[in-house]
Amino acid sequence: MKIYVKLLLTTMFWGVTFVAGKLAAQNVGPFSIGFLRFAIASTLLLALTWKTEGKLPTLKKPQIIPIILLGMIGIFAYNVMFYKGLKIIEASRAAIIIATCPIFITIFSALFLKEKITPIKALGIAVSVCGAIVVVSKGDINYIFEGAVGKGELYIFCCVLSWATYSLIGKSVMKSLSPLVAVSYSAVVGAIALFVPACLEGLLQNVAHQSARDWLCISYLGIFGTVIGFVWYYQGVERLGPTKAGLFINFVPIFGILSARLILHEQITFSLAVGAALVISGVYLTNRTPKVGAT
């Protein structure tokens, strides 16, 4: 029972990151938020790795480039696009667009890893993509064809592509490294890569003048959104298996919408609710384990 509570809390932590990111992005630059978040997270993750592994494992030559790619794509690129997008669009809309990540992971796996897309998965992809279109277009498909989709949506969609790529690279990396080591080292790479552009953005001049709210949001992103969320999620994967634990991901957009409503007072529109239902249903179908004997 305890592991189910942890998984539910993890999805809540991840849902609230959209609100924390939205609040921080109003006053702090995207490179600075990303650097501070992962400076906190990587420090704690390295300490946890040391405690768990008994040392900090040395990377072998073939592992170095993939770890750098994980840091540059999943940490650096993802976070810059994430905070740029959140500065422009509502946290709830961003949460629904990000919720399509499993769909694109499935598509990329089929394209590059030759994994089979079953009819059920194909249906899930179609349903989820329809849901994303409803959210992005605000229920009016002409909104897309007229070119009214803004930079905010495009930034968040780039996050989805970044995370799908990160996940595929991570699949190969985690054949030889534990998830904790892979994430810890990629977080360090991402933090280092973010440091210089963060300084150019004014990090060193502004860091002492950031508000308590900004620090609270950034600390939340680093501790709850990254470290605790990661550790508890992989505890769930270890105890329940990836399929059962993965189903909890469907709660992330729900918590994202609810927290945006409660904290930011964002409206839950009809198109947002319909889009969320379609995306979550599509993700469920795509990740559904077929019964034995099913084709």
Protein backbone atom coordinates (compact mmCIF):
# COMPACT_ATOMS: atom_id res chain seq x y z
CA MET A 1 0.00 0.00 0.00
CA LYS A 2 2.87 2.37 0.87
CA ILE A 3 4.37 2.15 -2.63
CA TYR A 4 1.02 3.11 -4.22
CA VAL A 5 0.89 6.20 -2.00
CA LYS A 6 4.44 7.10 -3.03
CA LEU A 7 3.60 6.74 -6.72
CA LEU A 8 0.48 8.87 -6.36
CA LEU A 9 2.45 11.54 -4.49
CA THR A 10 5.14 11.39 -7.18
CA THR A 11 2.61 12.17 -9.89
CA MET A 12 1.28 15.01 -7.75
CA PHE A 13 4.82 16.39 -7.34
CA TRP A 14 5.29 16.23 -11.12
CA GLY A 15 1.89 17.82 -11.75
CA VAL A 16 2.72 20.76 -9.49
CA THR A 17 6.04 21.36 -11.32
CA PHE A 18 4.02 23.08 -14.04
CA VAL A 19 2.76 25.62 -11.52
CA ALA A 20 6.17 26.05 -9.87
CA GLY A 21 7.79 26.46 -13.28
CA LYS A 22 5.14 28.96 -14.39
CA LEU A 23 5.64 31.09 -11.26
CA ALA A 24 9.44 31.01 -11.44
CA ALA A 25 9.48 31.77 -15.17
CA GLN A 26 7.74 35.11 -14.62
CA ASN A 27 10.80 36.56 -12.85
CA VAL A 28 13.75 34.26 -13.56
CA GLY A 29 15.28 33.42 -16.94
CA PRO A 30 14.90 29.88 -18.35
CA PHE A 31 18.64 29.11 -18.26
CA SER A 32 18.89 30.34 -14.67
CA ILE A 33 15.92 28.28 -13.47
CA GLY A 34 17.28 25.20 -15.21
CA PHE A 35 20.77 25.65 -13.76
CA LEU A 36 19.60 26.28 -10.20
CA ARG A 37 17.12 23.38 -10.35
CA PHE A 38 19.75 20.90 -11.50
CA ALA A 39 22.54 22.30 -9.35
CA ILE A 40 20.32 21.38 -6.40
CA ALA A 41 19.12 18.10 -7.92
CA SER A 42 22.51 16.84 -9.13
CA THR A 43 24.13 17.52 -5.75
CA LEU A 44 21.46 15.48 -3.96
CA LEU A 45 21.42 12.76 -6.65
CA LEU A 46 25.21 12.34 -6.51
CA ALA A 47 25.05 12.02 -2.72
CA LEU A 48 22.29 9.43 -3.06
CA THR A 49 24.28 7.57 -5.74
CA TRP A 50 27.33 7.49 -3.45
CA LYS A 51 25.21 6.12 -0.61
CA THR A 52 23.44 3.54 -2.80
CA GLU A 53 26.38 2.37 -4.91
CA GLY A 54 29.08 2.82 -2.26
CA LYS A 55 30.98 5.06 -4.71
CA LEU A 56 30.49 7.18 -7.82
CA PRO A 57 30.85 4.65 -10.67
CA THR A 58 33.42 5.44 -13.35
CA LEU A 59 31.99 5.69 -16.83
CA LYS A 60 33.41 3.47 -19.54
CA LYS A 61 34.37 5.07 -22.85
CA PRO A 62 31.24 3.92 -24.76
CA GLN A 63 29.03 5.38 -21.98
CA ILE A 64 30.44 8.93 -22.04
CA ILE A 65 28.85 10.24 -25.26
CA PRO A 66 25.36 8.81 -24.44
CA ILE A 67 25.48 10.40 -20.96
CA ILE A 68 26.45 13.76 -22.51
CA LEU A 69 23.56 13.40 -24.97
CA LEU A 70 21.17 12.62 -22.11
CA GLY A 71 22.28 15.77 -20.29
CA MET A 72 22.13 18.00 -23.36
CA ILE A 73 18.79 16.72 -24.68
CA GLY A 74 16.84 15.67 -21.57
CA ILE A 75 18.14 18.31 -19.15
CA PHE A 76 19.50 21.30 -21.09
CA ALA A 77 17.17 21.46 -24.11
CA TYR A 78 14.07 20.18 -22.31
CA ASN A 79 14.29 22.65 -19.44
CA VAL A 80 15.06 25.71 -21.56
CA MET A 81 12.04 24.97 -23.79
CA PHE A 82 9.91 24.12 -20.74
CA TYR A 83 10.42 27.44 -18.96
CA LYS A 84 10.26 29.49 -22.16
CA GLY A 85 6.91 27.85 -22.91
CA LEU A 86 5.54 28.25 -19.39
CA LYS A 87 6.30 31.96 -19.47
CA ILE A 88 3.85 32.28 -22.37
CA ILE A 89 1.05 29.71 -22.00
CA GLU A 90 -1.08 28.38 -19.15
CA ALA A 91 0.41 25.68 -16.91
CA SER A 92 -2.64 23.46 -17.44
CA ARG A 93 -2.30 23.52 -21.24
CA ALA A 94 1.41 22.76 -20.98
CA ALA A 95 0.64 19.79 -18.71
CA ILE A 96 -1.66 18.24 -21.31
CA ILE A 97 0.80 18.73 -24.17
CA ILE A 98 3.63 17.20 -22.09
CA ALA A 99 1.31 14.28 -21.28
CA THR A 100 1.67 13.13 -24.90
CA CYS A 101 5.33 12.15 -24.23
CA PRO A 102 4.56 8.40 -23.99
CA ILE A 103 2.86 8.59 -27.39
CA PHE A 104 5.95 10.01 -29.07
CA ILE A 105 8.19 7.56 -27.21
CA THR A 106 6.09 4.77 -28.74
CA ILE A 107 6.31 6.33 -32.22
CA PHE A 108 10.08 6.91 -31.95
CA SER A 109 10.57 3.35 -30.66
CA ALA A 110 8.75 2.02 -33.72
CA LEU A 111 10.77 4.22 -36.09
CA PHE A 112 14.23 3.75 -34.62
CA LEU A 113 14.08 0.58 -32.51
CA LYS A 114 11.68 -1.31 -34.80
CA GLU A 115 9.24 -1.98 -31.95
CA LYS A 116 5.82 -3.13 -33.13
CA ILE A 117 2.80 -0.83 -32.95
CA THR A 118 -0.26 -2.98 -32.33
CA PRO A 119 -3.76 -1.91 -33.43
CA ILE A 120 -4.56 -0.93 -29.82
CA LYS A 121 -1.41 1.21 -29.62
CA ALA A 122 -2.25 2.79 -32.96
CA LEU A 123 -5.72 3.65 -31.65
CA GLY A 124 -4.16 5.10 -28.48
CA ILE A 125 -1.80 7.27 -30.54
CA ALA A 126 -4.69 8.57 -32.67
CA VAL A 127 -6.88 9.32 -29.63
CA SER A 128 -4.06 11.06 -27.77
CA VAL A 129 -3.02 13.16 -30.76
CA CYS A 130 -6.66 14.22 -31.21
CA GLY A 131 -6.70 15.27 -27.56
CA ALA A 132 -3.52 17.32 -27.99
CA ILE A 133 -5.02 19.02 -31.06
CA VAL A 134 -8.16 19.91 -29.07
CA VAL A 135 -6.02 21.47 -26.32
CA VAL A 136 -3.67 23.37 -28.63
CA SER A 137 -6.51 24.63 -30.85
CA LYS A 138 -8.73 25.46 -27.86
CA GLY A 139 -11.46 23.40 -29.48
CA ASP A 140 -11.33 25.23 -32.82
CA ILE A 141 -9.32 23.35 -35.48
CA ASN A 142 -9.19 26.50 -37.64
CA TYR A 143 -7.02 27.99 -34.91
CA ILE A 144 -4.17 25.72 -36.08
CA PHE A 145 -4.69 26.18 -39.83
CA GLU A 146 -4.80 29.94 -39.45
CA GLY A 147 -1.35 29.84 -37.86
CA ALA A 148 -2.58 31.13 -34.52
CA VAL A 149 -0.65 28.53 -32.51
CA GLY A 150 1.98 30.54 -30.68
CA LYS A 151 5.57 30.13 -29.56
CA GLY A 152 4.49 28.82 -26.17
CA GLU A 153 2.85 25.72 -27.60
CA LEU A 154 5.81 25.15 -29.94
CA TYR A 155 8.28 25.40 -27.05
CA ILE A 156 6.32 22.82 -25.05
CA PHE A 157 6.02 20.54 -28.07
CA CYS A 158 9.83 20.73 -28.40
CA CYS A 159 9.94 19.50 -24.78
CA VAL A 160 7.93 16.45 -25.83
CA LEU A 161 10.35 15.68 -28.67
CA SER A 162 13.33 16.22 -26.34
CA TRP A 163 11.94 13.85 -23.73
CA ALA A 164 11.05 11.17 -26.28
CA THR A 165 14.63 11.31 -27.61
CA TYR A 166 16.03 11.29 -24.06
CA SER A 167 13.96 8.22 -23.23
CA LEU A 168 15.20 6.27 -26.27
CA ILE A 169 18.85 7.07 -25.53
CA GLY A 170 18.18 6.24 -21.87
CA LYS A 171 16.92 2.77 -22.81
CA SER A 172 20.32 1.84 -24.21
CA VAL A 173 22.30 3.60 -21.47
CA MET A 174 20.40 1.86 -18.68
CA LYS A 175 21.40 -1.55 -20.02
CA SER A 176 24.81 -0.95 -18.48
CA LEU A 177 24.10 1.73 -15.84
CA SER A 178 21.46 1.89 -13.12
CA PRO A 179 18.71 4.49 -13.64
CA LEU A 180 20.00 6.42 -10.59
CA VAL A 181 23.54 6.67 -11.99
CA ALA A 182 22.34 7.58 -15.49
CA VAL A 183 20.01 10.31 -14.24
CA SER A 184 22.57 11.65 -11.72
CA TYR A 185 25.33 11.98 -14.30
CA SER A 186 23.05 13.42 -16.98
CA ALA A 187 21.78 15.96 -14.42
CA VAL A 188 25.40 17.02 -13.77
CA VAL A 189 26.03 17.39 -17.52
CA GLY A 190 22.85 19.42 -17.91
CA ALA A 191 23.70 21.70 -14.98
CA ILE A 192 27.21 22.35 -16.34
CA ALA A 193 25.83 23.10 -19.81
CA LEU A 194 23.25 25.50 -18.36
CA PHE A 195 25.76 27.43 -16.25
CA VAL A 196 27.38 29.63 -18.92
CA PRO A 197 24.12 30.74 -20.64
CA ALA A 198 22.63 31.29 -17.17
CA CYS A 199 25.53 33.62 -16.34
CA LEU A 200 25.03 35.48 -19.62
CA GLU A 201 21.37 35.78 -18.65
CA GLY A 202 22.40 37.55 -15.42
CA LEU A 203 22.42 34.66 -12.94
CA LEU A 204 25.29 35.95 -10.79
CA GLN A 205 23.87 39.48 -10.60
CA ASN A 206 20.28 38.42 -9.97
CA VAL A 207 20.68 35.39 -7.71
CA ALA A 208 20.93 37.46 -4.52
CA HIS A 209 17.85 39.48 -5.43
CA GLN A 210 15.43 36.68 -6.24
CA SER A 211 12.29 36.59 -4.12
CA ALA A 212 11.49 33.96 -1.51
CA ARG A 213 8.72 32.71 -3.83
CA ASP A 214 11.19 32.21 -6.68
CA TRP A 215 13.57 30.27 -4.42
CA LEU A 216 10.69 28.19 -3.08
CA CYS A 217 9.59 27.28 -6.62
CA ILE A 218 13.12 26.45 -7.80
CA SER A 219 13.83 24.39 -4.67
CA TYR A 220 10.55 22.54 -5.19
CA LEU A 221 11.52 21.77 -8.79
CA GLY A 222 14.92 20.44 -7.72
CA ILE A 223 13.93 18.47 -4.62
CA PHE A 224 10.34 17.28 -5.12
CA GLY A 225 10.04 17.51 -8.91
CA THR A 226 13.38 15.84 -9.59
CA VAL A 227 15.05 13.97 -6.71
CA ILE A 228 12.13 12.63 -4.63
CA GLY A 229 9.96 12.12 -7.71
CA PHE A 230 12.67 10.13 -9.47
CA VAL A 231 13.58 7.96 -6.45
CA TRP A 232 9.98 7.12 -5.56
CA TYR A 233 9.01 6.43 -9.17
CA TYR A 234 11.83 3.94 -9.64
CA GLN A 235 11.01 2.34 -6.31
CA GLY A 236 7.55 1.78 -7.80
CA VAL A 237 9.06 0.33 -11.00
CA GLU A 238 11.21 -2.00 -8.89
CA ARG A 239 8.30 -3.17 -6.69
CA LEU A 240 5.41 -3.24 -9.20
CA GLY A 241 7.12 -3.41 -12.58
CA PRO A 242 7.28 -0.71 -15.28
CA THR A 243 3.77 -1.31 -16.62
CA LYS A 244 1.87 -0.88 -13.34
CA ALA A 245 4.08 1.98 -12.18
CA GLY A 246 3.81 3.66 -15.59
CA LEU A 247 0.02 3.79 -15.36
CA PHE A 248 0.36 6.35 -12.57
CA ILE A 249 1.82 8.82 -15.12
CA ASN A 250 -1.76 9.37 -16.27
CA PHE A 251 -2.38 11.30 -13.04
CA VAL A 252 0.29 13.93 -13.86
CA PRO A 253 -1.86 16.09 -16.20
CA ILE A 254 -4.79 15.79 -13.79
CA PHE A 255 -2.70 17.13 -10.91
CA GLY A 256 -1.24 19.73 -13.27
CA ILE A 257 -4.70 21.04 -14.19
CA LEU A 258 -5.99 20.95 -10.60
CA SER A 259 -2.94 22.71 -9.13
CA ALA A 260 -3.07 25.34 -11.89
CA ARG A 261 -6.73 25.94 -11.02
CA LEU A 262 -6.14 26.10 -7.25
CA ILE A 263 -2.90 28.09 -7.20
CA LEU A 264 -2.92 30.11 -10.43
CA HIS A 265 -6.72 30.31 -10.79
CA GLU A 266 -6.56 29.12 -14.40
CA GLN A 267 -9.91 28.24 -15.92
CA ILE A 268 -10.73 24.63 -16.73
CA THR A 269 -12.38 25.12 -20.12
CA PHE A 270 -14.50 22.54 -21.91
CA SER A 271 -11.85 22.04 -24.62
CA LEU A 272 -9.15 21.57 -21.97
CA ALA A 273 -11.22 18.94 -20.13
CA VAL A 274 -12.09 17.07 -23.35
CA GLY A 275 -8.49 17.23 -24.57
CA ALA A 276 -7.18 15.97 -21.22
CA ALA A 277 -9.62 13.03 -21.25
CA LEU A 278 -8.58 12.09 -24.79
CA VAL A 279 -4.84 12.37 -24.09
CA ILE A 280 -5.05 10.32 -20.88
CA SER A 281 -7.22 7.67 -22.60
CA GLY A 282 -4.79 7.50 -25.51
CA VAL A 283 -1.77 7.14 -23.23
CA TYR A 284 -3.55 4.36 -21.32
CA LEU A 285 -4.32 2.46 -24.54
CA THR A 286 -0.78 2.92 -25.85
CA ASN A 287 0.79 1.56 -22.66
CA ARG A 288 -1.80 -1.14 -22.04
CA THR A 289 -0.35 -4.61 -21.67
CA PRO A 290 -2.17 -7.03 -23.99
CA LYS A 291 -3.65 -10.18 -22.52
CA VAL A 292 -1.83 -13.43 -23.15
CA GLY A 293 -2.86 -14.75 -26.55
CA ALA A 294 -3.98 -11.33 -27.80
CA THR A 295 -2.51 -10.01 -31.02
